[in-house]
Protein backbone atom coordinates (compact mmCIF):
# COMPACT_ATOMS: atom_id res chain seq x y z
CA MET A 1 0.00 0.00 0.00
CA LYS A 2 2.81 2.39 0.88
CA GLN A 3 4.50 1.70 -2.46
CA VAL A 4 1.27 2.50 -4.32
CA MET A 5 0.90 5.76 -2.38
CA VAL A 6 4.48 6.79 -3.09
CA PHE A 7 4.01 6.03 -6.78
CA THR A 8 0.76 8.05 -6.85
CA ILE A 9 2.46 11.05 -5.26
CA PHE A 10 5.37 10.77 -7.70
CA LEU A 11 2.96 10.56 -10.64
CA PHE A 12 1.08 13.63 -9.40
CA MET A 13 4.32 15.59 -9.09
CA LEU A 14 5.43 14.48 -12.53
CA CYS A 15 2.12 15.51 -14.09
CA SER A 16 2.36 18.87 -12.33
CA LEU A 17 5.76 19.46 -13.89
CA TRP A 18 4.51 18.41 -17.31
CA SER A 19 1.65 20.90 -17.06
CA GLN A 20 4.16 23.77 -17.01
CA ALA A 21 5.20 25.04 -20.40
CA GLN A 22 8.96 25.31 -20.64
CA LEU A 23 10.38 28.80 -21.13
CA SER A 24 13.20 27.21 -23.11
CA SER A 25 10.67 26.81 -25.95
CA TYR A 26 10.33 30.59 -26.27
CA SER A 27 12.07 32.19 -29.23
CA PHE A 28 14.63 34.93 -28.55
CA ASN A 29 15.47 37.96 -30.64
CA TYR A 30 17.95 40.79 -30.15
CA SER A 31 17.45 44.08 -31.97
CA GLU A 32 18.33 47.74 -31.60
CA LEU A 33 15.34 50.08 -31.51
CA THR A 34 14.69 53.68 -30.56
CA TYR A 35 14.25 53.93 -26.80
CA THR A 36 11.08 55.90 -26.08
CA GLU A 37 10.84 57.15 -22.53
CA ILE A 38 7.34 57.26 -21.03
CA SER A 39 6.36 60.16 -18.83
CA SER A 40 2.79 59.38 -17.79
CA GLY A 41 1.18 56.48 -16.00
CA THR A 42 1.20 55.14 -12.46
CA VAL A 43 4.20 56.65 -10.67
CA LEU A 44 5.80 54.41 -8.07
CA GLY A 45 8.47 55.02 -5.47
CA ASN A 46 10.48 58.17 -4.76
CA VAL A 47 14.08 59.36 -4.60
CA ASN A 48 14.65 57.22 -1.49
CA SER A 49 13.43 53.92 -2.95
CA ASP A 50 15.73 51.02 -2.07
CA GLU A 51 14.67 47.34 -1.89
CA GLN A 52 10.92 48.16 -1.88
CA TYR A 53 8.20 45.95 -3.32
CA PHE A 54 5.30 47.53 -5.19
CA THR A 55 2.44 45.08 -4.79
CA ASN A 56 -0.51 47.30 -3.86
CA PRO A 57 -1.93 50.24 -5.86
CA ALA A 58 -2.96 51.80 -2.54
CA LEU A 59 0.72 52.02 -1.55
CA PRO A 60 2.49 53.70 -4.51
CA SER A 61 5.56 54.37 -2.36
CA GLY A 62 6.04 50.64 -1.90
CA GLY A 63 7.13 48.80 1.20
CA ASN A 64 8.34 45.48 2.54
CA GLN A 65 5.17 43.55 1.65
CA TYR A 66 5.97 40.97 -0.99
CA LEU A 67 2.28 39.94 -1.09
CA GLY A 68 -0.44 42.11 -2.58
CA PRO A 69 -3.29 42.49 -5.07
CA GLY A 70 -0.90 43.72 -7.76
CA PHE A 71 -1.24 46.30 -10.53
CA PRO A 72 -3.47 45.48 -13.56
CA ILE A 73 -1.69 44.42 -16.73
CA GLY A 74 -4.69 45.56 -18.78
CA PHE A 75 -5.16 42.23 -20.56
CA GLU A 76 -4.71 38.51 -19.91
CA PHE A 77 -1.04 37.71 -20.43
CA SER A 78 -0.13 34.12 -21.25
CA PHE A 79 3.21 33.05 -19.83
CA ALA A 80 4.66 29.55 -19.53
CA GLY A 81 1.28 27.91 -20.02
CA SER A 82 -0.56 30.05 -17.44
CA THR A 83 -2.54 33.26 -17.61
CA PHE A 84 -1.76 36.34 -15.51
CA ASP A 85 -3.50 39.70 -15.23
CA VAL A 86 -1.59 41.66 -12.57
CA VAL A 87 2.05 42.42 -11.77
CA GLY A 88 4.23 43.36 -8.86
CA ILE A 89 7.36 45.50 -9.27
CA GLN A 90 10.67 45.30 -7.39
CA VAL A 91 13.05 48.25 -7.13
CA ASN A 92 15.86 45.87 -8.08
CA GLY A 93 14.90 45.78 -11.76
CA TRP A 94 12.33 42.98 -12.09
CA ILE A 95 8.59 42.29 -12.12
CA SER A 96 6.51 39.40 -10.85
CA LEU A 97 3.36 38.07 -12.57
CA GLY A 98 0.16 37.46 -10.63
CA LYS A 99 -3.48 36.38 -10.73
CA SER A 100 -6.16 38.76 -9.49
CA ALA A 101 -8.41 35.82 -8.61
CA LEU A 102 -6.14 35.23 -5.59
CA GLY A 103 -7.19 38.56 -4.11
CA ALA A 104 -4.77 40.00 -1.56
CA ASN A 105 -2.25 37.28 -2.48
CA ALA A 106 -2.47 37.89 -6.25
CA VAL A 107 1.27 38.58 -6.47
CA ASP A 108 3.90 36.90 -4.32
CA MET A 109 7.37 38.35 -4.84
CA ARG A 110 9.25 36.36 -2.24
CA SER A 111 12.76 35.56 -3.38
CA THR A 112 15.90 34.04 -1.93
CA SER A 113 17.70 37.14 -3.22
CA LEU A 114 16.05 40.40 -4.29
CA SER A 115 19.00 41.20 -6.54
CA ALA A 116 19.18 37.73 -8.15
CA PRO A 117 15.51 36.86 -8.79
CA LEU A 118 15.77 34.13 -11.41
CA ASN A 119 17.38 31.37 -9.34
CA THR A 120 14.99 31.57 -6.38
CA ILE A 121 14.18 28.20 -4.81
CA LEU A 122 11.38 28.97 -2.42
CA GLY A 123 7.91 27.51 -1.91
CA GLY A 124 4.89 28.54 0.11
CA GLN A 125 3.10 30.58 -2.55
CA ALA A 126 -0.70 30.34 -2.75
CA ASP A 127 -0.05 29.22 -6.32
CA ALA A 128 3.39 27.96 -7.37
CA GLU A 129 2.98 29.79 -10.70
CA LEU A 130 3.36 33.09 -8.84
CA VAL A 131 7.13 32.54 -8.99
CA SER A 132 6.83 33.68 -12.62
CA ARG A 133 8.96 36.77 -13.13
CA ILE A 134 10.84 38.82 -15.71
CA SER A 135 14.12 40.57 -14.93
CA ALA A 136 15.67 43.44 -16.88
CA CYS A 137 18.33 44.56 -14.46
CA GLY A 138 18.20 42.17 -11.53
CA THR A 139 20.81 43.61 -9.21
CA ASN A 140 21.04 45.84 -6.13
CA LEU A 141 19.47 49.09 -7.32
CA LYS A 142 18.42 52.25 -5.54
CA ALA A 143 16.89 55.58 -6.48
CA GLN A 144 18.48 59.02 -6.49
CA GLU A 145 17.47 62.52 -7.53
CA GLY A 146 15.58 62.27 -10.80
CA SER A 147 14.71 58.59 -10.31
CA GLY A 148 11.29 57.09 -10.80
CA ILE A 149 9.34 54.00 -11.76
CA ILE A 150 6.32 54.37 -14.06
CA LEU A 151 3.80 51.70 -15.00
CA ALA A 152 1.71 52.48 -18.09
CA GLN A 153 -0.83 50.71 -20.28
CA SER A 154 -1.18 51.63 -23.95
CA GLY A 155 -2.88 50.48 -27.15
CA THR A 156 -6.20 48.81 -27.83
CA ALA A 157 -7.10 45.13 -28.09
CA PRO A 158 -5.53 43.01 -29.44
CA ASN A 159 -2.43 45.23 -29.42
CA ARG A 160 -2.29 46.36 -25.81
CA VAL A 161 1.06 46.84 -24.09
CA LEU A 162 2.10 47.11 -20.46
CA THR A 163 5.32 49.05 -19.89
CA VAL A 164 7.21 49.23 -16.60
CA GLN A 165 10.03 51.79 -16.69
CA TRP A 166 12.93 52.46 -14.35
CA LYS A 167 14.51 55.90 -14.78
CA ASN A 168 17.87 57.09 -13.48
CA TYR A 169 18.54 54.23 -11.08
CA ARG A 170 21.98 53.24 -9.84
CA ARG A 171 23.78 50.38 -8.17
CA GLY A 172 24.43 51.19 -4.53
CA ASN A 173 25.96 54.63 -4.18
CA ASN A 174 27.75 54.55 -7.51
CA ASN A 175 27.71 57.51 -9.84
CA GLU A 176 25.45 55.87 -12.43
CA SER A 177 22.27 56.40 -14.45
CA LEU A 178 20.51 53.20 -15.50
CA ASN A 179 17.38 53.47 -17.65
CA PHE A 180 15.35 50.53 -18.91
CA GLN A 181 11.86 49.11 -19.51
CA ILE A 182 10.03 45.80 -19.42
CA GLN A 183 7.20 45.49 -21.94
CA LEU A 184 4.46 42.84 -22.05
CA LYS A 185 2.62 42.66 -25.38
CA GLU A 186 -0.82 41.20 -25.95
CA PHE A 187 -0.45 40.58 -29.69
CA ASP A 188 2.20 37.87 -29.48
CA MET A 189 2.40 37.34 -25.68
CA SER A 190 6.01 38.49 -25.76
CA ALA A 191 8.19 39.99 -23.04
CA THR A 192 10.77 42.58 -24.09
CA VAL A 193 13.52 44.27 -22.12
CA ILE A 194 14.61 47.59 -23.69
CA TYR A 195 17.53 49.66 -22.46
CA GLY A 196 17.84 53.42 -22.69
CA SER A 197 20.93 55.38 -21.74
CA MET A 198 23.03 53.16 -19.46
CA VAL A 199 25.86 54.92 -17.63
CA ALA A 200 27.62 52.44 -15.34
CA SER A 201 30.75 52.55 -13.20
CA ASN A 202 32.40 49.56 -11.54
CA ILE A 203 32.06 46.02 -12.88
CA GLY A 204 29.17 43.90 -11.64
CA THR A 205 26.54 41.40 -12.78
CA LEU A 206 22.77 41.40 -13.23
CA HIS A 207 19.98 38.97 -14.08
CA LEU A 208 18.45 39.34 -17.55
CA GLY A 209 15.70 36.89 -18.47
CA MET A 210 12.60 35.04 -17.29
CA ARG A 211 11.61 32.39 -14.75
CA ALA A 212 8.47 30.29 -14.20
CA ALA A 213 7.16 27.45 -12.01
CA PRO A 214 8.02 25.14 -10.37
CA ALA A 215 8.87 27.38 -7.42
CA ILE A 216 10.93 24.90 -5.44
CA GLU A 217 13.18 24.01 -8.38
CA ASP A 218 14.89 26.58 -10.61
CA THR A 219 14.52 24.40 -13.70
CA ASN A 220 12.18 26.51 -15.83
CA TYR A 221 14.03 29.60 -17.02
CA CYS A 222 15.13 31.45 -20.14
CA ASN A 223 17.91 33.98 -19.63
CA ARG A 224 20.97 35.56 -21.22
CA SER A 225 24.62 35.23 -20.34
CA ILE A 226 27.09 38.02 -21.12
CA PRO A 227 30.60 37.26 -19.85
CA SER A 228 33.14 39.95 -19.05
CA GLY A 229 34.55 41.50 -22.20
CA THR A 230 31.59 40.41 -24.34
CA ALA A 231 29.41 42.96 -26.10
CA TRP A 232 25.77 42.95 -25.07
CA ASN A 233 24.68 42.33 -28.66
CA ALA A 234 26.55 39.00 -28.51
CA SER A 235 24.75 37.50 -25.51
CA VAL A 236 24.17 33.74 -25.39
CA ALA A 237 21.44 31.65 -23.79
CA GLY A 238 22.14 30.94 -20.13
CA THR A 239 22.76 27.32 -19.16
CA ALA A 240 21.73 27.83 -15.52
CA SER A 241 19.11 29.95 -13.79
CA ASN A 242 21.82 32.08 -12.15
CA ALA A 243 23.51 32.98 -15.45
CA SER A 244 24.27 36.69 -15.47
CA ALA A 245 25.23 39.62 -17.64
CA VAL A 246 28.32 41.63 -16.81
CA ILE A 247 27.93 45.39 -16.67
CA SER A 248 30.67 47.98 -16.27
CA ALA A 249 31.65 51.43 -17.49
CA ALA A 250 32.98 49.85 -20.67
CA GLN A 251 30.38 47.08 -21.02
CA VAL A 252 26.80 48.34 -21.25
CA PRO A 253 23.96 47.87 -23.76
CA VAL A 254 23.56 50.59 -26.35
CA SER A 255 20.49 52.78 -26.10
CA GLY A 256 17.63 50.93 -27.76
CA ALA A 257 19.08 47.45 -27.19
CA ALA A 258 16.03 45.15 -27.06
CA PHE A 259 15.97 41.58 -25.75
CA LYS A 260 12.68 39.92 -26.73
CA TRP A 261 11.24 36.53 -25.81
CA THR A 262 8.14 35.33 -27.67
CA ALA A 263 5.87 32.46 -26.67
CA PRO A 264 5.69 29.53 -29.09
CA ALA A 265 2.58 29.17 -31.21
CA ALA A 266 -0.22 27.67 -29.17
CA LEU A 267 -1.53 24.16 -29.76
CA GLN A 268 -4.94 24.55 -31.42
CA ALA A 269 -7.67 21.93 -31.71
CA ASP A 270 -10.13 22.18 -34.60
CA PHE A 271 -12.13 19.90 -36.88
CA THR A 272 -14.86 19.74 -39.49
CA ALA A 273 -17.40 17.17 -40.66
CA ASN A 274 -18.52 16.24 -44.15
CA VAL A 275 -22.17 16.59 -43.04
CA THR A 276 -23.65 18.34 -40.03
CA SER A 277 -27.26 17.22 -40.44
CA GLY A 278 -29.31 14.48 -42.01
CA THR A 279 -31.67 11.65 -41.25
CA ALA A 280 -30.89 8.66 -39.06
CA PRO A 281 -28.80 6.62 -39.36
CA LEU A 282 -26.38 9.44 -40.23
CA SER A 283 -22.83 8.51 -41.25
CA ILE A 284 -20.35 11.33 -40.59
CA GLN A 285 -16.71 11.61 -41.58
CA PHE A 286 -14.76 13.94 -39.28
CA THR A 287 -11.55 15.61 -40.37
CA ASP A 288 -8.97 16.85 -37.88
CA LEU A 289 -7.84 20.43 -38.63
CA SER A 290 -5.76 20.92 -35.50
CA VAL A 291 -2.56 22.98 -35.57
CA ALA A 292 0.56 21.72 -33.80
CA ALA A 293 2.84 23.99 -31.80
CA GLY A 294 6.51 23.12 -31.26
CA SER A 295 5.97 19.35 -31.34
CA PRO A 296 3.77 17.14 -33.53
CA ILE A 297 0.34 16.09 -32.29
CA THR A 298 0.49 12.54 -30.94
CA SER A 299 -3.04 11.79 -29.70
CA TRP A 300 -6.66 12.57 -30.49
CA SER A 301 -9.63 11.99 -28.20
CA TRP A 302 -13.12 12.53 -29.65
CA ASN A 303 -16.49 12.66 -27.95
CA ILE A 304 -19.24 12.59 -30.56
CA GLY A 305 -22.74 12.24 -29.24
CA GLY A 306 -21.54 9.95 -26.47
CA GLN A 307 -19.34 7.91 -28.81
CA SER A 308 -15.58 8.10 -28.44
CA SER A 309 -12.68 7.61 -30.81
CA THR A 310 -8.91 7.99 -30.76
CA ALA A 311 -8.55 8.07 -34.55
CA GLN A 312 -7.31 11.27 -36.13
CA HIS A 313 -10.12 11.30 -38.71
CA PRO A 314 -12.91 9.09 -37.34
CA GLU A 315 -16.09 8.00 -39.12
CA ILE A 316 -19.07 7.80 -36.79
CA VAL A 317 -22.66 6.65 -37.33
CA LEU A 318 -25.38 8.31 -35.23
CA TYR A 319 -28.51 6.17 -35.10
CA ASN A 320 -30.77 8.24 -32.88
CA PRO A 321 -32.42 11.57 -33.72
CA GLY A 322 -31.15 14.50 -31.69
CA VAL A 323 -28.78 17.45 -31.53
CA TYR A 324 -25.22 16.51 -30.61
CA ASP A 325 -22.19 18.34 -29.25
CA VAL A 326 -18.80 17.30 -30.60
CA SER A 327 -15.50 17.76 -28.78
CA LEU A 328 -11.90 16.96 -29.67
CA THR A 329 -8.95 16.93 -27.29
CA ILE A 330 -5.45 16.76 -28.74
CA SER A 331 -2.02 16.40 -27.16
CA ASP A 332 1.59 16.61 -28.26
CA GLY A 333 2.77 14.65 -25.24
CA THR A 334 3.38 17.80 -23.18
CA ASN A 335 0.55 20.23 -23.88
CA SER A 336 -3.09 19.64 -24.72
CA ALA A 337 -5.92 21.63 -26.27
CA MET A 338 -9.65 21.07 -26.66
CA GLU A 339 -12.30 22.32 -29.06
CA THR A 340 -16.02 21.81 -28.41
CA LYS A 341 -18.69 22.67 -30.98
CA PRO A 342 -22.08 22.70 -29.29
CA ALA A 343 -25.14 21.50 -31.22
CA TYR A 344 -22.83 20.72 -34.14
CA ILE A 345 -24.67 17.67 -35.49
CA THR A 346 -28.44 17.40 -35.99
CA VAL A 347 -29.93 13.98 -36.71
CA PHE A 348 -33.53 13.86 -37.85
CA ASN A 349 -35.93 10.95 -37.74
CA GLY A 350 -35.03 8.53 -40.48
CA GLU A 351 -38.66 8.24 -41.51
CA VAL A 352 -39.11 11.90 -42.51
CA PRO A 353 -40.99 11.51 -45.83
CA GLY A 354 -39.29 12.74 -48.94
CA VAL A 355 -36.09 13.94 -47.32
CA ASN A 356 -33.26 12.41 -49.35
CA THR A 357 -30.45 14.93 -48.98
CA SER A 358 -27.62 15.76 -46.60
CA ILE A 359 -26.34 19.19 -45.59
CA GLN A 360 -22.83 20.47 -44.95
CA MET A 361 -22.33 24.10 -43.90
CA ASP A 362 -19.65 26.21 -45.61
CA GLY A 363 -19.78 29.48 -43.73
CA ASN A 364 -23.30 30.81 -44.27
CA ASP A 365 -23.83 28.63 -47.35
CA ALA A 366 -25.51 25.22 -47.19
CA LEU A 367 -24.03 22.54 -49.46
CA VAL A 368 -26.98 20.23 -50.21
CA SER A 369 -25.99 16.79 -51.54
CA TRP A 370 -27.87 13.69 -52.64
CA ASP A 371 -27.28 10.30 -54.20
CA PRO A 372 -27.92 9.86 -57.96
CA ILE A 373 -31.55 9.09 -58.80
CA LEU A 374 -32.76 7.13 -61.85
CA MET A 375 -36.12 7.58 -63.55
CA GLU A 376 -38.57 4.75 -63.94
CA GLY A 377 -37.22 2.31 -66.48
CA GLY A 378 -33.64 3.15 -65.50
CA GLN A 379 -33.37 6.38 -67.51
CA ASN A 380 -31.12 9.15 -66.33
CA PRO A 381 -32.91 12.38 -65.43
CA GLN A 382 -32.26 15.65 -67.22
CA TYR A 383 -32.64 17.71 -64.06
CA TYR A 384 -32.96 17.37 -60.37
CA PHE A 385 -35.59 19.65 -58.84
CA LEU A 386 -34.60 20.76 -55.37
CA TYR A 387 -37.16 21.75 -52.73
CA PHE A 388 -36.71 23.00 -49.22
CA ASN A 389 -38.66 23.35 -46.02
CA GLY A 390 -37.31 26.39 -44.18
CA SER A 391 -38.40 25.26 -40.74
CA ASP A 392 -37.45 22.66 -38.17
CA ASP A 393 -40.72 20.80 -38.73
CA PRO A 394 -40.21 17.92 -41.18
CA THR A 395 -43.94 17.80 -41.89
CA GLY A 396 -44.01 21.44 -43.01
CA GLU A 397 -44.49 22.61 -46.57
CA PHE A 398 -41.67 22.26 -49.09
CA TYR A 399 -41.03 25.01 -51.65
CA PHE A 400 -39.31 24.80 -55.01
CA LEU A 401 -35.72 26.08 -54.70
CA ALA A 402 -33.81 25.40 -57.94
CA PRO A 403 -33.28 23.07 -60.90
CA VAL A 404 -29.92 21.29 -60.98
CA ALA A 405 -28.74 19.92 -64.31
CA TYR A 406 -27.87 16.20 -64.33
CA PRO A 407 -25.39 14.69 -63.40
CA ALA A 408 -24.57 17.21 -60.64
CA THR A 409 -25.65 15.98 -57.20
CA GLN A 410 -24.89 19.05 -55.11
CA TYR A 411 -26.33 22.55 -54.79
CA ARG A 412 -24.95 25.53 -52.89
CA HIS A 413 -27.74 27.37 -51.10
CA VAL A 414 -25.96 30.73 -50.82
CA GLY A 415 -26.26 32.93 -47.74
CA VAL A 416 -28.95 30.88 -46.07
CA GLY A 417 -27.18 31.10 -42.69
CA MET A 418 -26.35 28.57 -40.03
CA GLY A 419 -30.08 27.92 -39.52
CA ALA A 420 -29.93 25.75 -42.62
CA GLN A 421 -28.59 22.99 -40.38
CA HIS A 422 -32.16 22.65 -39.11
CA MET A 423 -33.95 22.91 -42.47
CA PHE A 424 -35.10 20.07 -44.69
CA TYR A 425 -34.30 19.59 -48.37
CA ARG A 426 -35.56 17.00 -50.82
CA VAL A 427 -34.84 16.34 -54.46
CA SER A 428 -36.70 14.64 -57.30
CA ALA A 429 -35.55 13.44 -60.72
CA VAL A 430 -37.13 15.08 -63.76
CA ARG A 431 -37.19 14.62 -67.52
CA ILE A 432 -38.96 17.27 -69.64
CA ASP A 433 -38.71 15.67 -73.09
């Protein structure tokens, strides 16, 4: 029994780790832009700021509270497989991502070192994902005359941006002026660190990069390493969470240097069916249209009117009249995605008189199809006459819709709308000679 329990706990922990998207799958890009200083927004801190957390909009001067409701991002920001909507800011050049649903504990900025945030190994958060953080200049910073932190939201959906800016900060009591921003972008769920004028003095190191759950293991990170004597435009990916960038009077980023990390394309589940309505028994061929992300899709799990399938493109027969939801769950072995289409399939009573067609929707057009029909004596028809009943009552009146020249067995009912899934069509064979 003990062995089973230990295995269960291990399996749970393993699944928890798998559920976290790896930051190593993010793409990285270095570029040199024009640094645009922001001057309006939420002003935080003052000329005496040193070590403070900013976790509560009611306390713009900050304090020693690493827990708080956080500051709104302005949109839902996807990061490492989770969604965040608030942030906390640390004087020492980094931000922490949070979830407003956790209320007063929405952000949790606890860290084993405030000046080295990316290699924290510390649990106890209300949600382990609150260890998620982005560092632009993770080192021991303090304010001076002319210093300030501004948080600003800009743009409209789906191109909103959150910018957090540090102006005129310094390391310790050095004669320095460090200016930089962290930007979160809605359009591509990217995080960008942009440097302005950087005037440094003595040699030191800082953290530049990102970190995500798990909180008690520093295994999920994506950062940059810049050894002494290396230009900042020649950074390399860090091989440990404590990898750092060297900064000195002679080794600083140029103004406009931008370090950007972009989330990989999301796994997307989607599908279509060759028919979405018809009389029972209704045979339906489903086609998987899902889009893979970084890895190929390895499994498909369908639920079609209570029937299940693990085939990529299953064929299902529905025998009973009714309206059916269809759902598809896909996985690439690490991540999964699901698509549900409610009331996607309508099956009518197989004894509806005169209904001998099937319908497949193409946008707002109905593609009406039927099997070839022979005239008495085995002659081919010259036309098919198509009729339709524009209601959901199969005993309602049918109206002439269109002639279709033989041998075509399909008609596009243009612009009829999605309600056509609940209409009835019938066809008859005609010769006029």
